[in-house]
Every structure is written in C-alpha cells, then in structure tokens.
C-alpha cells in the first residue's frame, strides 16, 4: 500500500486520520449487477454471493469505478480522458490512485513507473430485497431493424434484474494524509453524487437501469496521533446499530470549493396518452392474456412502465430516418447517430462507444391508466375474408385516461448545436403523435399528445405548453433561437444550410 520512495525502499503514507463511512443505498429503478462467468436461467443472470444464501452482490470495484468516473466528470467535464503522464493529477486520480512517473522516465519506457494506490477502501455490498414484491424481475431485450421495424434474427435475449426498492449497505474507509490536501473534499463530492441520485450503477445505466440514491450516512473518525482513538479504530464495530443521517457535506464538515464543470442539455417533456400503449412482457404468469404490457415493482406494487431501452430504440430509429432523409450520404448519417446514441457492435472487432444521450425509465401511475382490460383480436385471411386458423389471440395493454401523463427525461452530454437541433425534431414528432412508442403502432397504439416541455442549457431555459392546440413559449430563451441557431445548425451539418 505504499508509494515507491528512492531514499527508503518503502516510505510511510503518513496517515493522520482514518474515517469510516457507511451508507444505505436504495435502488429507484431495476438494476443488473452481473458477471460473465455466472450461470442462471437467463442469458444475463445476476451476481450473487454464494456464502450468504445467494444474496445479490454489488462489488466494491463497481462502486469505486462509478464514484471515480463521477468525480472526474464533476471536476473536468463529461468524457474527459485521464492522462496518466500529466503532472497535475485530477481529484479522481489523487483519491483513487494513479500511475506515477519517476524522474528520468521517457514516454517509451515504463519500467520505472510506480503506482500510487487508492486512499479510499471500498467494500463489497450485499443486497436486501424489498419487503413487498418480487426480489427480481426478468426483462426481455431485442434489437430492432430500423428498416423493417421487426426483430433482428438472433438478437433476442433476456436479463435478470434486481427490483426497485432493493437496499445495499455501503462501507468506505478513507485514509487522510495532510500532505495530500483535498482527499476528504473529493470523497464528499463523490458521495454527494450518490446521495443526490446522480450516479447510476450496473448495466445500461444510461438507459434507465441502476438509478439509485443514498438515504443516510454514518461517519466515524479516528485520529492516528491519539492513543484512545487508535484503540477505537482497532476495535471499530462495523455491525453495530448505527443512526443514519442525510447530508454528507455536513457530516464531514465540508464546504465544497469546486463547482461542477459538466455541460449538458436537459429535455423534460410531459405527454398525454392517446389511446393505448403495449410493450410486451413475455412469460407474464400474472396475466391470462397472450401479451401483456410490461410492469415493474415500485413502492410495494406492480406498476406499468415505459423502459428507457424501448424509448431509446424508438428515438434512435427515427433520428436515423431524419438524418438519411436530409442527406444522401448514409455513412455520414450513421456517424452522426453513433456519436449521439453510441456505436453498436456489428461484427467481431468492433468497438462500442457509450451514448451521450441519457434516457430515464418512465413509471405510469396505476390510478391514471386502465390496465386490467383484455382485448381479443384475430388475424384475417385476406383471400377468404375469414379468420385464420389458430390465429385468435388477446392482449392486455394500458389505456389512457384524460388525466394520464407520461414524462420523458432526456439528458444530452457535451451538447453540440446540431445535436440539440436533432432532439428538437424528435420532440416535435413525439409531440404531434407522429412517432409512436411500443408495439402495434400500425393499429394506433403508442401515440402521444404533447402537453408541456422544459428545455435547459446552462442558464437558458425554454418552456413550451399546449394551449388548446396552440404552442405557447415562455422562459428566458427565445423560440427564434431554437429555430435559427439549433435547427439551422443541424440542417447545416446535413448539408442543407443556407
């Protein structure tokens, strides 16, 4: 655990204080913490701790990686690459460790490079299922062909998820060194991200999975120059009953000196449901229908949801269609969409890239929809005009009421003017009902009606609201700016600039 010292073989790290921090983590949406070597009844099973009655496991490496990434982006901005040879180390590198060049090292030689270990120890966390509801749920995934709007062959899979409401007991130990200022503040900023729900964990966190927050903390501090406190550190009881309180800044006595350097464009839009919505949940034993709308546990009850994965697939397909309409260069359109939504793996050797568009999962309040009606349908033989044999089936979608509302939350990281212009076109298609969601759009399902939207870029805010079919604008941003700056930028990128 020591840094290489040329005068001594190993130099002391000079720890002056040790701080234990515990926290209660709550999953707000389903999450997948898995491993490639696990086995189960699904294509992507969860990771369990076999010694603790198969309790779900959230590894310390996953927690530390999420905290490190959040801290780096908070200080440097989204997608800032770490430069291991840079002399000025970021907060993330100082707190979580980095490679250290020795005098005389060259760019082509790493034989004399040493590692500076992390000052923060992160324990594995075991999960506790929610008191009411299923501890896990199975979600189906499928890749859709944008041309045919049907499933691609061999692209169907299922994934096991922890239900929302699952809790984890987090445990950290920080070594404080007065020669390394800022360690405590850096940790406080990272933990504040967990407390505020700004850090996602696990798989597909940019598609709504793994949203979580910490409800409270417990902090124990021990000075290493006081004999009584050293004994207290040695006899520290991790399992003792503790009182958890919110507000990590106050508990650690920290007033942050650094402001966030992240740049993002936020779009929050509320829609009414015009008709019905059906996103199939296969193998739903709680419904007698052949196909039922997907549900997920929230607050001790099953509620219909619109998964972020489904919404993203619809937005990506329409964005590609818009781009291809405005340019004859298919590769150019594909590059634009890949830059925004992430690059997919098409063949062996392809490198995927993370999406810059974050999409949240949407929960429909049960009292605002009709979810218990089963609709019988039949396939008609076009030649005879009669019903096809064995083609009678039934479905259980969710039906909208006058008060039904769906709120879509999108966040675009490191936004470009052209990206914002494309999102505005997608919002327009959703707003007017031209872009349906879910399955069976050909029979009228999944169409929305725009009600209100808020667009935020830094200090600029645009607000729009439907007033009996007329669009009313407010906020400190102008309608002309949306049209003449952002839409014009997208058209120019597509080769249609004035």
Protein backbone atom coordinates (compact mmCIF):
# COMPACT_ATOMS: atom_id res chain seq x y z
CA UNK A 1 0.00 0.00 0.00
CA UNK A 2 2.99 2.30 -0.16
CA UNK A 3 4.36 4.64 -2.78
CA UNK A 4 7.90 3.95 -4.03
CA UNK A 5 10.48 6.08 -2.26
CA UNK A 6 14.05 6.39 -3.58
CA UNK A 7 15.54 7.13 -0.17
CA UNK A 8 13.74 4.29 1.60
CA UNK A 9 12.59 1.15 -0.08
CA UNK A 10 9.05 1.86 1.06
CA UNK A 11 8.02 5.17 2.57
CA UNK A 12 5.22 5.68 5.06
CA UNK A 13 1.97 7.03 3.65
CA UNK A 14 1.72 9.38 6.62
CA UNK A 15 -1.89 8.59 7.54
CA UNK A 16 -3.10 11.13 10.10
CA UNK A 17 -6.74 10.11 10.30
CA UNK A 18 -8.95 7.19 9.33
CA UNK A 19 -12.61 7.78 8.51
CA UNK A 20 -15.23 5.05 8.30
CA UNK A 21 -18.37 5.92 6.33
CA UNK A 22 -21.44 3.74 5.98
CA UNK A 23 -24.46 4.45 3.82
CA UNK A 24 -27.85 2.98 2.90
CA UNK A 25 -28.22 2.68 -0.87
CA UNK A 26 -31.72 2.29 -2.36
CA UNK A 27 -32.47 1.23 -5.93
CA UNK A 28 -35.02 3.57 -7.54
CA UNK A 29 -35.23 1.50 -10.74
CA UNK A 30 -34.32 -2.11 -11.52
CA UNK A 31 -30.59 -2.79 -11.80
CA UNK A 32 -28.33 -5.51 -13.14
CA UNK A 33 -25.08 -6.35 -11.35
CA UNK A 34 -23.74 -9.41 -13.10
CA UNK A 35 -20.66 -11.23 -14.24
CA UNK A 36 -19.74 -13.05 -17.43
CA UNK A 37 -18.95 -16.28 -15.61
CA UNK A 38 -22.22 -16.56 -13.69
CA UNK A 39 -24.76 -19.21 -14.63
CA UNK A 40 -28.53 -19.00 -14.46
CA UNK A 41 -31.81 -19.49 -16.24
CA UNK A 42 -31.46 -16.21 -18.20
CA UNK A 43 -28.96 -15.01 -20.77
CA UNK A 44 -27.67 -12.39 -18.32
CA UNK A 45 -28.08 -13.56 -14.70
CA UNK A 46 -27.33 -11.52 -11.58
CA UNK A 47 -24.20 -11.87 -9.48
CA UNK A 48 -24.86 -13.46 -6.09
CA UNK A 49 -22.73 -14.09 -3.02
CA UNK A 50 -22.86 -17.87 -2.64
CA UNK A 51 -21.82 -17.81 1.04
CA UNK A 52 -24.69 -15.53 2.08
CA UNK A 53 -27.73 -17.52 0.92
CA UNK A 54 -27.39 -16.22 -2.63
CA UNK A 55 -27.79 -12.58 -1.68
CA UNK A 56 -27.20 -10.17 -4.59
CA UNK A 57 -23.68 -8.78 -4.67
CA UNK A 58 -22.55 -5.27 -5.59
CA UNK A 59 -18.78 -5.39 -5.79
CA UNK A 60 -16.54 -2.69 -4.33
CA UNK A 61 -14.82 -2.39 -7.71
CA UNK A 62 -18.13 -1.39 -9.33
CA UNK A 63 -18.85 1.20 -6.64
CA UNK A 64 -15.34 2.64 -6.80
CA UNK A 65 -15.44 2.83 -10.60
CA UNK A 66 -18.74 4.70 -10.59
CA UNK A 67 -17.51 7.16 -7.95
CA UNK A 68 -14.21 7.73 -9.75
CA UNK A 69 -15.95 8.42 -13.06
CA UNK A 70 -18.42 10.83 -11.44
CA UNK A 71 -15.66 12.72 -9.63
CA UNK A 72 -13.56 13.03 -12.80
CA UNK A 73 -16.52 14.36 -14.78
CA UNK A 74 -17.51 16.73 -11.97
CA UNK A 75 -14.05 18.30 -11.96
CA UNK A 76 -13.13 18.10 -15.65
CA UNK A 77 -16.39 17.69 -17.56
CA UNK A 78 -18.07 14.77 -19.30
CA UNK A 79 -15.84 12.34 -21.20
CA UNK A 80 -12.62 13.94 -20.02
CA UNK A 81 -9.84 11.35 -20.63
CA UNK A 82 -7.35 10.68 -17.86
CA UNK A 83 -3.75 11.41 -18.86
CA UNK A 84 -1.54 9.26 -16.69
CA UNK A 85 1.58 11.22 -17.70
CA UNK A 86 0.11 14.65 -16.89
CA UNK A 87 1.95 16.28 -13.94
CA UNK A 88 -1.23 17.74 -12.42
CA UNK A 89 -3.40 14.90 -11.21
CA UNK A 90 -7.16 15.22 -11.01
CA UNK A 91 -9.09 14.68 -7.81
CA UNK A 92 -10.18 11.28 -9.09
CA UNK A 93 -6.57 10.22 -9.68
CA UNK A 94 -5.39 11.51 -6.31
CA UNK A 95 -8.20 9.82 -4.37
CA UNK A 96 -8.49 6.53 -6.28
CA UNK A 97 -4.86 6.10 -7.36
CA UNK A 98 -2.79 6.61 -10.48
CA UNK A 99 0.49 5.77 -12.17
CA UNK A 100 3.41 7.96 -11.11
CA UNK A 101 6.37 8.74 -13.37
CA UNK A 102 9.81 8.69 -11.79
CA UNK A 103 12.49 11.28 -12.74
CA UNK A 104 14.22 10.33 -15.94
CA UNK A 105 11.35 8.27 -17.30
CA UNK A 106 10.75 8.53 -21.02
CA UNK A 107 7.48 8.29 -22.91
CA UNK A 108 8.54 4.93 -24.34
CA UNK A 109 9.73 3.38 -21.11
CA UNK A 110 7.54 2.38 -18.21
CA UNK A 111 9.95 0.17 -16.33
CA UNK A 112 10.45 2.80 -13.63
CA UNK A 113 6.80 3.81 -13.30
CA UNK A 114 5.12 3.04 -9.98
CA UNK A 115 1.52 3.05 -8.86
CA UNK A 116 0.10 5.30 -6.18
CA UNK A 117 -2.59 3.29 -4.51
CA UNK A 118 -6.05 4.49 -3.61
CA UNK A 119 -6.59 6.36 -0.35
CA UNK A 120 -10.14 5.02 -0.27
CA UNK A 121 -11.08 1.44 0.57
CA UNK A 122 -14.48 0.31 -0.77
CA UNK A 123 -16.13 -2.89 0.49
CA UNK A 124 -18.41 -5.23 -1.39
CA UNK A 125 -22.09 -4.70 -0.55
CA UNK A 126 -24.78 -7.35 -0.12
CA UNK A 127 -28.35 -6.59 -1.12
CA UNK A 128 -31.57 -6.82 0.85
CA UNK A 129 -34.71 -7.39 -1.26
CA UNK A 130 -37.72 -5.09 -0.81
CA UNK A 131 -40.16 -6.04 1.93
CA UNK A 132 -43.04 -6.34 -0.55
CA UNK A 133 -42.80 -7.60 -4.10
CA UNK A 134 -40.58 -9.90 -6.12
CA UNK A 135 -36.85 -9.61 -5.37
CA UNK A 136 -36.02 -9.92 -9.07
CA UNK A 137 -37.68 -9.43 -12.43
CA UNK A 138 -36.93 -10.63 -15.94
CA UNK A 139 -36.75 -8.14 -18.81
CA UNK A 140 -36.67 -9.10 -22.46
CA UNK A 141 -34.35 -7.36 -24.88
CA UNK A 142 -34.37 -7.34 -28.65
CA UNK A 143 -32.57 -5.46 -31.42
CA UNK A 144 -34.94 -3.87 -33.93
CA UNK A 145 -34.15 -3.50 -37.63
CA UNK A 146 -34.71 0.19 -38.38
CA UNK A 147 -35.80 -0.57 -41.95
CA UNK A 148 -38.35 -3.30 -41.28
CA UNK A 149 -39.22 -2.37 -37.66
CA UNK A 150 -39.02 -6.06 -36.79
CA UNK A 151 -36.65 -8.01 -34.56
CA UNK A 152 -33.24 -8.86 -35.96
CA UNK A 153 -32.54 -12.61 -36.19
CA UNK A 154 -30.58 -13.93 -33.21
CA UNK A 155 -30.82 -10.62 -31.31
CA UNK A 156 -33.38 -11.70 -28.69
CA UNK A 157 -32.17 -12.05 -25.08
CA UNK A 158 -33.39 -11.75 -21.51
CA UNK A 159 -31.78 -10.22 -18.43
CA UNK A 160 -32.33 -10.72 -14.70
CA UNK A 161 -32.76 -7.51 -12.72
CA UNK A 162 -32.93 -6.59 -9.05
CA UNK A 163 -36.28 -4.98 -8.28
CA UNK A 164 -36.56 -1.33 -7.33
CA UNK A 165 -36.55 -0.99 -3.53
CA UNK A 166 -33.58 -3.31 -3.02
CA UNK A 167 -31.13 -1.84 -0.49
CA UNK A 168 -27.37 -2.19 -0.01
CA UNK A 169 -25.21 -1.35 2.99
CA UNK A 170 -22.23 0.63 1.65
CA UNK A 171 -18.97 0.80 3.59
CA UNK A 172 -15.92 3.01 2.97
CA UNK A 173 -12.65 3.74 4.76
CA UNK A 174 -10.66 6.86 3.89
CA UNK A 175 -7.03 7.37 4.86
CA UNK A 176 -6.34 11.07 5.34
CA UNK A 177 -2.88 12.48 4.75
CA UNK A 178 -2.16 16.17 5.38
CA UNK A 179 0.43 16.07 2.60
CA UNK A 180 -2.37 15.21 0.14
CA UNK A 181 -4.90 18.05 0.56
CA UNK A 182 -8.35 17.73 -0.88
CA UNK A 183 -8.87 13.99 -0.30
CA UNK A 184 -11.79 14.49 2.08
CA UNK A 185 -13.43 17.11 -0.12
CA UNK A 186 -13.05 14.88 -3.18
CA UNK A 187 -14.71 11.98 -1.38
CA UNK A 188 -17.50 14.23 -0.10
CA UNK A 189 -18.27 15.41 -3.65
CA UNK A 190 -18.39 11.82 -4.93
CA UNK A 191 -20.62 10.62 -2.09
CA UNK A 192 -22.88 13.65 -2.55
CA UNK A 193 -23.42 12.42 -6.13
CA UNK A 194 -24.68 9.11 -4.73
CA UNK A 195 -26.90 10.88 -2.21
CA UNK A 196 -28.43 13.12 -4.90
CA UNK A 197 -29.15 10.20 -7.24
CA UNK A 198 -26.73 11.47 -9.89
CA UNK A 199 -24.74 8.22 -10.15
CA UNK A 200 -26.08 5.11 -11.84
CA UNK A 201 -24.75 1.63 -11.08
CA UNK A 202 -24.57 -1.55 -13.10
CA UNK A 203 -25.55 -2.31 -16.68
CA UNK A 204 -27.37 0.12 -19.01
CA UNK A 205 -27.42 2.96 -16.51
CA UNK A 206 -27.73 5.37 -19.46
CA UNK A 207 -30.98 3.65 -20.37
CA UNK A 208 -32.72 3.98 -17.01
CA UNK A 209 -31.40 0.92 -15.16
CA UNK A 210 -29.46 1.26 -11.92
CA UNK A 211 -30.84 4.62 -10.77
CA UNK A 212 -30.27 4.86 -7.02
CA UNK A 213 -29.76 7.18 -4.07
CA UNK A 214 -28.35 7.05 -0.54
CA UNK A 215 -30.88 7.95 2.16
CA UNK A 216 -28.43 8.43 5.03
CA UNK A 217 -24.84 8.15 6.26
CA UNK A 218 -22.94 7.28 9.41
CA UNK A 219 -19.45 8.68 9.91
CA UNK A 220 -16.79 7.54 12.42
CA UNK A 221 -13.47 9.42 12.57
CA UNK A 222 -10.26 8.37 14.33
CA UNK A 223 -7.10 10.48 14.72
CA UNK A 224 -3.90 8.49 14.39
CA UNK A 225 -1.95 10.71 16.82
CA UNK A 226 -4.27 9.91 19.75
CA UNK A 227 -3.84 6.59 21.58
CA UNK A 228 -7.50 6.37 22.65
CA UNK A 229 -8.72 6.98 19.10
CA UNK A 230 -6.26 4.45 17.71
CA UNK A 231 -7.76 1.86 20.06
CA UNK A 232 -11.22 2.97 18.93
CA UNK A 233 -10.19 2.41 15.31
CA UNK A 234 -8.79 -1.05 16.11
CA UNK A 235 -11.99 -2.06 17.91
CA UNK A 236 -14.40 -0.41 15.45
CA UNK A 237 -17.59 -2.49 15.15
CA UNK A 238 -18.93 -2.44 11.60
CA UNK A 239 -22.06 -4.39 12.54
CA UNK A 240 -23.14 -2.18 15.45
CA UNK A 241 -26.53 -0.48 15.29
CA UNK A 242 -25.99 3.00 13.85
CA UNK A 243 -28.03 6.11 13.17
CA UNK A 244 -28.01 7.22 9.54
CA UNK A 245 -28.45 10.87 8.63
CA UNK A 246 -28.64 12.67 5.26
CA UNK A 247 -26.25 15.45 4.28
CA UNK A 248 -22.75 14.07 3.73
CA UNK A 249 -21.24 17.57 3.46
CA UNK A 250 -22.42 18.46 6.95
CA UNK A 251 -21.41 15.12 8.46
CA UNK A 252 -17.86 15.50 7.10
CA UNK A 253 -17.71 19.26 7.77
CA UNK A 254 -17.03 20.07 4.13
CA UNK A 255 -17.87 23.20 2.13
CA UNK A 256 -17.00 22.33 -1.49
CA UNK A 257 -14.61 24.72 -3.21
CA UNK A 258 -15.09 23.29 -6.69
CA UNK A 259 -18.13 23.74 -8.91
CA UNK A 260 -19.26 21.19 -11.46
CA UNK A 261 -17.68 21.54 -14.90
CA UNK A 262 -20.22 19.27 -16.59
CA UNK A 263 -22.09 20.56 -19.62
CA UNK A 264 -25.47 19.09 -20.56
CA UNK A 265 -28.73 19.84 -22.33
CA UNK A 266 -31.81 18.64 -20.45
CA UNK A 267 -35.19 17.95 -22.04
CA UNK A 268 -38.19 17.16 -19.85
CA UNK A 269 -41.48 16.73 -21.68
CA UNK A 270 -44.94 15.66 -20.45
CA UNK A 271 -47.40 13.91 -22.76
CA UNK A 272 -50.94 12.55 -22.67
CA UNK A 273 -51.52 9.00 -23.90
CA UNK A 274 -53.78 8.98 -26.95
CA UNK A 275 -55.32 5.51 -26.87
CA UNK A 276 -53.28 2.55 -25.65
CA UNK A 277 -49.66 1.52 -25.13
CA UNK A 278 -48.27 -2.01 -25.38
CA UNK A 279 -44.69 -3.01 -24.66
CA UNK A 280 -44.83 -6.78 -24.36
CA UNK A 281 -43.65 -8.64 -21.30
CA UNK A 282 -43.19 -12.26 -22.31
CA UNK A 283 -43.92 -15.01 -19.84
CA UNK A 284 -46.03 -12.85 -17.51
CA UNK A 285 -47.65 -15.50 -15.31
CA UNK A 286 -49.83 -12.91 -13.53
CA UNK A 287 -51.79 -12.12 -16.70
CA UNK A 288 -54.05 -14.51 -18.60
CA UNK A 289 -53.55 -12.58 -21.83
CA UNK A 290 -51.21 -13.80 -24.56
CA UNK A 291 -49.37 -10.47 -24.42
CA UNK A 292 -49.42 -8.02 -21.52
CA UNK A 293 -47.80 -4.62 -21.02
CA UNK A 294 -44.58 -4.68 -19.03
CA UNK A 295 -44.77 -3.95 -15.30
CA UNK A 296 -42.18 -3.31 -12.61
CA UNK A 297 -42.21 -3.14 -8.81
CA UNK A 298 -42.47 0.36 -7.35
CA UNK A 299 -43.25 1.13 -3.71
CA UNK A 300 -44.55 -2.36 -2.99
CA UNK A 301 -46.83 -2.70 -6.01
CA UNK A 302 -46.54 -3.56 -9.68
CA UNK A 303 -46.86 -0.54 -11.95
CA UNK A 304 -46.80 -0.26 -15.76
CA UNK A 305 -43.60 1.27 -17.06
CA UNK A 306 -42.05 2.55 -20.26
CA UNK A 307 -38.48 1.19 -20.24
CA UNK A 308 -35.67 3.52 -21.22
CA UNK A 309 -34.37 0.85 -23.60
CA UNK A 310 -37.64 0.87 -25.58
CA UNK A 311 -37.78 4.66 -25.72
CA UNK A 312 -34.16 4.88 -26.84
CA UNK A 313 -34.71 2.37 -29.63
CA UNK A 314 -37.61 4.40 -31.00
CA UNK A 315 -35.68 7.68 -30.79
CA UNK A 316 -32.60 6.19 -32.44
CA UNK A 317 -34.56 4.71 -35.34
CA UNK A 318 -36.40 7.98 -36.01
CA UNK A 319 -33.20 10.05 -35.67
CA UNK A 320 -31.51 7.85 -38.28
CA UNK A 321 -34.53 8.22 -40.56
CA UNK A 322 -34.41 12.01 -40.25
CA UNK A 323 -30.67 12.09 -40.96
CA UNK A 324 -31.00 9.82 -44.00
CA UNK A 325 -33.84 11.99 -45.31
CA UNK A 326 -31.67 15.09 -45.22
CA UNK A 327 -28.52 13.60 -46.73
CA UNK A 328 -27.70 11.07 -49.41
CA UNK A 329 -24.53 10.09 -47.52
CA UNK A 330 -25.63 7.08 -45.45
CA UNK A 331 -22.25 6.81 -43.73
CA UNK A 332 -22.44 10.43 -42.64
CA UNK A 333 -25.89 9.88 -41.17
CA UNK A 334 -24.69 6.74 -39.38
CA UNK A 335 -21.70 8.56 -37.87
CA UNK A 336 -23.96 11.31 -36.55
CA UNK A 337 -26.32 8.84 -34.88
CA UNK A 338 -23.46 6.73 -33.48
CA UNK A 339 -21.90 9.83 -31.95
CA UNK A 340 -25.17 10.67 -30.22
CA UNK A 341 -26.58 7.25 -29.25
CA UNK A 342 -23.39 5.21 -29.13
CA UNK A 343 -21.78 2.88 -31.65
CA UNK A 344 -23.16 -0.65 -31.85
CA UNK A 345 -21.16 -3.83 -32.31
CA UNK A 346 -21.93 -5.07 -35.82
CA UNK A 347 -19.14 -7.61 -36.23
CA UNK A 348 -16.21 -9.10 -34.36
CA UNK A 349 -13.58 -6.50 -33.53
CA UNK A 350 -15.95 -3.52 -33.46
CA UNK A 351 -15.53 -1.19 -30.51
CA UNK A 352 -18.74 0.09 -28.92
CA UNK A 353 -18.95 3.62 -27.59
CA UNK A 354 -21.07 5.00 -24.79
CA UNK A 355 -24.16 7.03 -25.54
CA UNK A 356 -24.15 10.78 -24.94
CA UNK A 357 -27.93 10.69 -24.55
CA UNK A 358 -29.20 9.55 -21.14
CA UNK A 359 -32.78 8.24 -21.07
CA UNK A 360 -34.76 7.53 -17.90
CA UNK A 361 -37.35 4.82 -17.32
CA UNK A 362 -40.92 6.13 -17.06
CA UNK A 363 -43.42 4.91 -14.47
CA UNK A 364 -47.16 5.21 -15.15
CA UNK A 365 -49.22 5.80 -12.04
CA UNK A 366 -51.77 2.91 -11.81
CA UNK A 367 -54.68 5.18 -10.88
CA UNK A 368 -54.24 7.24 -14.06
CA UNK A 369 -54.46 4.35 -16.56
CA UNK A 370 -56.72 1.40 -17.30
CA UNK A 371 -54.53 -1.69 -17.11
CA UNK A 372 -56.95 -4.59 -16.48
CA UNK A 373 -58.79 -4.73 -19.81
CA UNK A 374 -58.06 -7.64 -22.15
CA UNK A 375 -58.67 -7.10 -25.85
CA UNK A 376 -59.42 -10.07 -28.10
CA UNK A 377 -58.01 -9.92 -31.61
CA UNK A 378 -57.98 -12.17 -34.65
CA UNK A 379 -55.90 -12.42 -37.80
CA UNK A 380 -57.92 -12.25 -41.02
CA UNK A 381 -57.20 -14.30 -44.15
CA UNK A 382 -57.12 -11.73 -46.96
CA UNK A 383 -58.17 -14.31 -49.55
CA UNK A 384 -61.24 -15.72 -47.81
CA UNK A 385 -62.06 -12.73 -45.61
CA UNK A 386 -62.42 -15.12 -42.65
CA UNK A 387 -60.39 -15.74 -39.55
CA UNK A 388 -57.16 -17.66 -39.91
CA UNK A 389 -56.98 -20.97 -38.10
CA UNK A 390 -55.34 -20.77 -34.64
CA UNK A 391 -54.91 -17.00 -35.11
CA UNK A 392 -57.15 -15.84 -32.26
CA UNK A 393 -55.20 -14.07 -29.52
CA UNK A 394 -55.71 -11.47 -26.83
CA UNK A 395 -53.68 -8.60 -25.39
CA UNK A 396 -53.61 -6.52 -22.22
CA UNK A 397 -52.22 -3.05 -23.00
CA UNK A 398 -52.57 0.03 -20.80
CA UNK A 399 -55.25 2.51 -21.86
CA UNK A 400 -55.01 6.20 -21.31
CA UNK A 401 -57.45 8.34 -19.34
CA UNK A 402 -57.88 12.12 -19.70
CA UNK A 403 -55.53 12.55 -16.73
CA UNK A 404 -52.87 10.08 -17.95
CA UNK A 405 -49.41 11.66 -18.20
CA UNK A 406 -46.02 10.34 -19.32
CA UNK A 407 -42.95 12.42 -18.53
CA UNK A 408 -39.87 11.81 -20.66
CA UNK A 409 -36.49 12.86 -19.24
CA UNK A 410 -33.51 13.15 -21.59
CA UNK A 411 -30.03 14.48 -20.86
CA UNK A 412 -27.52 15.16 -23.65
CA UNK A 413 -23.88 15.24 -22.53
CA UNK A 414 -21.45 17.72 -24.09
CA UNK A 415 -24.18 19.05 -26.40
CA UNK A 416 -23.46 20.41 -29.84
CA UNK A 417 -25.82 22.83 -31.55
CA UNK A 418 -26.64 20.24 -34.22
CA UNK A 419 -27.41 17.60 -31.57
CA UNK A 420 -29.91 19.92 -29.91
CA UNK A 421 -31.50 20.60 -33.29
CA UNK A 422 -32.00 16.87 -33.88
CA UNK A 423 -33.55 16.44 -30.42
CA UNK A 424 -35.97 19.26 -31.22
CA UNK A 425 -37.13 17.37 -34.33
CA UNK A 426 -37.59 14.21 -32.25
CA UNK A 427 -39.59 16.19 -29.68
CA UNK A 428 -41.79 17.56 -32.47
CA UNK A 429 -42.55 14.06 -33.77
CA UNK A 430 -43.43 12.82 -30.27
CA UNK A 431 -45.47 15.95 -29.56
CA UNK A 432 -47.65 15.59 -32.66
CA UNK A 433 -48.15 11.82 -32.32
CA UNK A 434 -46.14 11.08 -35.46
CA UNK A 435 -43.63 8.95 -33.51
CA UNK A 436 -45.47 6.11 -31.68
CA UNK A 437 -43.93 4.12 -28.85
CA UNK A 438 -44.05 0.38 -28.22
CA UNK A 439 -45.56 -2.32 -30.38
CA UNK A 440 -48.51 -2.44 -32.76
CA UNK A 441 -48.20 1.16 -33.84
CA UNK A 442 -49.92 0.14 -37.10
CA UNK A 443 -53.22 -0.30 -35.20
CA UNK A 444 -52.93 3.02 -33.40
CA UNK A 445 -51.11 2.13 -30.20
CA UNK A 446 -48.40 4.22 -28.53
CA UNK A 447 -49.33 7.68 -29.79
CA UNK A 448 -48.72 10.67 -27.55
CA UNK A 449 -50.02 14.24 -27.32
CA UNK A 450 -47.62 16.91 -26.14
CA UNK A 451 -48.72 18.94 -23.10
CA UNK A 452 -45.67 20.80 -21.82
CA UNK A 453 -41.89 20.72 -22.06
CA UNK A 454 -38.89 22.36 -20.42
CA UNK A 455 -35.54 22.63 -22.20
CA UNK A 456 -32.47 23.66 -20.20
CA UNK A 457 -28.97 24.55 -21.40
CA UNK A 458 -26.84 26.14 -18.70
CA UNK A 459 -28.70 29.24 -17.51
CA UNK A 460 -31.01 29.32 -20.53
CA UNK A 461 -34.48 27.80 -20.13
CA UNK A 462 -37.18 27.32 -22.77
CA UNK A 463 -40.69 26.36 -21.72
CA UNK A 464 -43.48 25.36 -24.05
CA UNK A 465 -47.06 24.37 -23.33
CA UNK A 466 -50.06 23.28 -25.34
CA UNK A 467 -52.93 25.79 -25.10
CA UNK A 468 -55.91 24.25 -26.90
CA UNK A 469 -53.79 23.27 -29.88
CA UNK A 470 -51.58 26.35 -29.86
CA UNK A 471 -47.99 26.23 -28.65
CA UNK A 472 -47.13 28.87 -26.05
CA UNK A 473 -43.48 29.70 -25.29
CA UNK A 474 -42.00 31.16 -22.09
CA UNK A 475 -38.69 31.25 -20.21
CA UNK A 476 -35.58 33.34 -20.83
CA UNK A 477 -34.81 31.55 -24.13
CA UNK A 478 -36.48 32.58 -27.37
CA UNK A 479 -38.32 30.50 -29.93
CA UNK A 480 -36.27 32.15 -32.66
CA UNK A 481 -33.04 30.90 -31.06
CA UNK A 482 -34.27 27.31 -31.16
CA UNK A 483 -35.12 27.69 -34.81
CA UNK A 484 -32.37 29.94 -36.13
CA UNK A 485 -29.47 28.51 -34.12
CA UNK A 486 -30.02 24.87 -33.22
CA UNK A 487 -32.27 23.65 -36.02
CA UNK A 488 -30.19 25.64 -38.51
CA UNK A 489 -27.01 24.02 -37.15
CA UNK A 490 -28.42 20.53 -37.69
CA UNK A 491 -29.55 21.37 -41.22
CA UNK A 492 -26.11 22.77 -41.98
CA UNK A 493 -24.40 19.60 -40.76
CA UNK A 494 -26.72 17.63 -43.03
CA UNK A 495 -25.80 19.84 -45.96
CA UNK A 496 -28.97 21.93 -46.06
CA UNK A 497 -27.61 25.16 -44.62
CA UNK A 498 -28.50 28.50 -46.15
